[in-house]
N, C-alpha and C. Protein backbone atom coordinates (compact mmCIF):
# COMPACT_ATOMS: atom_id res chain seq x y z
N MET A 1 154.00 -58.68 10.46
CA MET A 1 153.60 -60.49 10.88
C MET A 1 152.51 -60.56 9.71
N PRO A 2 151.80 -61.76 9.69
CA PRO A 2 151.00 -62.28 8.93
C PRO A 2 149.56 -61.76 8.57
N LYS A 3 149.04 -61.92 7.32
CA LYS A 3 147.20 -61.52 8.11
C LYS A 3 146.65 -62.19 8.60
N MET A 4 145.33 -61.70 9.03
CA MET A 4 144.49 -62.59 10.47
C MET A 4 143.93 -63.83 9.12
N LYS A 5 143.69 -64.93 9.38
CA LYS A 5 142.53 -65.37 8.80
C LYS A 5 141.54 -65.73 9.45
N THR A 6 140.35 -65.44 8.20
CA THR A 6 138.81 -65.48 7.83
C THR A 6 138.73 -66.86 9.08
N ASN A 7 137.89 -66.93 9.95
CA ASN A 7 137.11 -68.06 10.44
C ASN A 7 136.53 -68.47 8.93
N SER A 8 136.59 -69.82 8.72
CA SER A 8 135.73 -70.39 7.46
C SER A 8 134.13 -70.52 8.15
N GLY A 9 133.59 -71.53 9.27
CA GLY A 9 133.02 -71.00 10.20
C GLY A 9 131.64 -70.14 10.34
N ALA A 10 132.63 -69.30 10.65
CA ALA A 10 131.36 -68.03 10.67
C ALA A 10 131.85 -67.26 9.78
N LYS A 11 132.50 -67.36 8.44
CA LYS A 11 132.19 -66.50 7.51
C LYS A 11 131.04 -66.56 6.78
N LYS A 12 130.28 -68.28 7.12
CA LYS A 12 129.81 -69.26 6.19
C LYS A 12 128.24 -68.97 7.41
N ARG A 13 128.32 -68.30 8.63
CA ARG A 13 127.13 -68.05 9.83
C ARG A 13 126.85 -66.59 9.27
N PHE A 14 127.89 -65.55 9.22
CA PHE A 14 128.04 -64.61 9.18
C PHE A 14 127.88 -63.37 8.04
N SER A 15 127.01 -62.19 7.80
CA SER A 15 127.07 -61.39 6.58
C SER A 15 127.12 -59.95 7.28
N LEU A 16 127.60 -59.04 6.38
CA LEU A 16 127.71 -57.66 7.12
C LEU A 16 126.76 -57.20 6.24
N THR A 17 126.00 -55.43 7.18
CA THR A 17 125.23 -54.76 6.23
C THR A 17 126.06 -53.65 6.13
N GLY A 18 124.98 -52.93 5.10
CA GLY A 18 125.76 -52.25 4.77
C GLY A 18 126.35 -51.03 5.74
N SER A 19 125.68 -50.68 6.89
CA SER A 19 126.29 -49.65 7.98
C SER A 19 127.17 -50.65 8.87
N GLY A 20 127.53 -51.90 8.71
CA GLY A 20 128.19 -52.38 9.18
C GLY A 20 127.74 -53.65 10.44
N LYS A 21 126.45 -53.27 10.64
CA LYS A 21 126.03 -54.62 11.22
C LYS A 21 126.90 -55.64 10.98
N ILE A 22 126.37 -56.86 12.00
CA ILE A 22 126.38 -57.90 11.46
C ILE A 22 125.23 -58.83 11.57
N LYS A 23 124.64 -59.65 10.69
CA LYS A 23 123.96 -60.04 10.31
C LYS A 23 123.73 -61.60 10.47
N ARG A 24 122.97 -62.60 11.46
CA ARG A 24 123.19 -64.32 11.54
C ARG A 24 121.21 -64.33 10.51
N LYS A 25 121.42 -65.64 11.51
CA LYS A 25 120.16 -66.18 11.24
C LYS A 25 119.88 -67.54 12.21
N HIS A 26 118.46 -67.41 12.58
CA HIS A 26 118.09 -68.39 13.55
C HIS A 26 118.84 -69.87 13.59
N ALA A 27 118.51 -69.91 14.85
CA ALA A 27 118.54 -71.46 14.91
C ALA A 27 117.75 -72.60 14.92
N TYR A 28 117.86 -73.57 15.03
CA TYR A 28 116.17 -74.81 15.09
C TYR A 28 115.44 -74.29 13.98
N LYS A 29 115.95 -74.21 12.53
CA LYS A 29 115.47 -74.57 11.61
C LYS A 29 115.75 -75.75 10.13
N SER A 30 116.48 -75.86 10.88
CA SER A 30 117.33 -77.74 9.80
C SER A 30 116.55 -78.69 9.62
N HIS A 31 115.82 -78.83 11.43
CA HIS A 31 115.72 -80.47 11.09
C HIS A 31 114.51 -80.30 11.88
N ILE A 32 113.96 -81.80 12.43
CA ILE A 32 112.96 -81.88 13.51
C ILE A 32 112.20 -80.70 13.64
N LEU A 33 111.19 -80.44 11.94
CA LEU A 33 110.94 -79.81 12.17
C LEU A 33 108.90 -80.01 12.25
N THR A 34 108.81 -81.49 12.32
CA THR A 34 107.81 -81.81 12.25
C THR A 34 106.49 -81.38 13.61
N LYS A 35 107.15 -81.05 14.76
CA LYS A 35 106.74 -81.01 16.06
C LYS A 35 106.99 -79.31 16.18
N LYS A 36 107.31 -78.42 15.48
CA LYS A 36 107.19 -77.59 15.05
C LYS A 36 105.89 -76.51 14.74
N THR A 37 105.44 -75.36 15.29
CA THR A 37 104.11 -74.66 14.81
C THR A 37 104.58 -74.11 13.82
N LYS A 38 103.70 -73.63 12.96
CA LYS A 38 103.97 -73.04 11.92
C LYS A 38 104.14 -71.28 12.09
N LYS A 39 103.92 -70.97 13.46
CA LYS A 39 104.20 -69.63 13.64
C LYS A 39 105.46 -70.14 13.83
N GLN A 40 106.10 -70.51 14.94
CA GLN A 40 107.62 -70.89 15.01
C GLN A 40 108.89 -70.72 14.18
N LYS A 41 108.29 -71.57 13.02
CA LYS A 41 108.75 -72.06 11.71
C LYS A 41 109.01 -70.34 11.05
N ARG A 42 108.35 -69.54 11.30
CA ARG A 42 107.35 -68.41 9.88
C ARG A 42 108.77 -67.52 11.05
N ASN A 43 108.83 -67.24 11.72
CA ASN A 43 109.21 -66.42 13.64
C ASN A 43 111.11 -66.90 12.76
N LEU A 44 110.74 -67.81 13.00
CA LEU A 44 112.50 -68.22 13.06
C LEU A 44 113.38 -67.94 11.38
N THR A 45 112.29 -68.03 10.12
CA THR A 45 112.96 -67.91 8.84
C THR A 45 113.53 -66.47 9.01
N HIS A 46 112.84 -65.54 9.44
CA HIS A 46 113.57 -63.67 9.70
C HIS A 46 115.17 -63.88 10.34
N ALA A 47 116.08 -63.06 9.39
CA ALA A 47 117.54 -62.78 10.34
C ALA A 47 117.76 -62.16 11.02
N GLY A 48 118.13 -62.01 12.35
CA GLY A 48 118.40 -61.14 13.17
C GLY A 48 119.33 -60.13 12.95
N LEU A 49 119.79 -59.43 13.74
CA LEU A 49 121.60 -59.03 14.40
C LEU A 49 121.83 -59.45 15.68
N ILE A 50 123.20 -59.65 15.43
CA ILE A 50 124.07 -60.38 16.47
C ILE A 50 123.76 -59.15 17.44
N HIS A 51 123.90 -59.71 18.93
CA HIS A 51 124.16 -59.15 20.34
C HIS A 51 125.00 -58.25 20.40
N LYS A 52 124.95 -57.33 20.46
CA LYS A 52 125.78 -56.31 21.20
C LYS A 52 127.42 -56.85 21.87
N SER A 53 127.04 -57.24 22.92
CA SER A 53 127.81 -58.31 23.46
C SER A 53 129.07 -59.21 22.95
N ASP A 54 128.40 -59.89 21.42
CA ASP A 54 128.90 -60.49 21.11
C ASP A 54 129.68 -59.99 19.93
N GLU A 55 129.39 -59.34 19.71
CA GLU A 55 129.86 -58.17 18.51
C GLU A 55 131.49 -57.91 17.79
N ASN A 56 132.51 -58.14 19.28
CA ASN A 56 133.76 -58.45 19.64
C ASN A 56 134.46 -59.76 19.24
N ASN A 57 133.46 -60.69 19.59
CA ASN A 57 134.03 -61.99 18.99
C ASN A 57 133.96 -62.26 17.55
N VAL A 58 132.77 -62.06 16.94
CA VAL A 58 132.56 -62.60 15.77
C VAL A 58 133.04 -61.45 14.76
N LYS A 59 133.20 -60.20 15.16
CA LYS A 59 133.92 -59.52 14.41
C LYS A 59 135.93 -60.18 14.67
N LYS A 60 135.89 -60.75 15.48
CA LYS A 60 137.24 -61.29 14.97
C LYS A 60 137.78 -62.52 14.59
N LEU A 61 136.75 -63.64 15.05
CA LEU A 61 136.16 -64.68 13.73
C LEU A 61 136.39 -64.63 12.08
N LEU A 62 135.59 -62.74 11.88
CA LEU A 62 136.04 -62.49 10.43
C LEU A 62 136.80 -61.61 10.35
N ALA A 63 137.81 -61.49 11.46
CA ALA A 63 139.14 -60.99 10.92
C ALA A 63 138.86 -59.56 10.08
N LEU A 64 138.34 -58.68 11.37
CA LEU A 64 137.17 -57.72 10.19
C LEU A 64 138.27 -56.44 11.62
N LYS A 65 138.26 -56.95 12.92
CA LYS A 65 139.22 -56.40 14.41
C LYS A 65 140.52 -55.91 14.55
């Protein structure tokens, strides 16, 4: 059976932490920033972790499962 290919879009959007969790960036931080408050933009800067319910799908895209 051939190897699983990693989804190119997913490999650009997600990264693994040392403990094996999957890190993600927040959406809505790329354009139309003039109408967003400083607080809103600042809070979107910090990276988050993906939700547990999405973990299996993302791992499949990253060929980890």
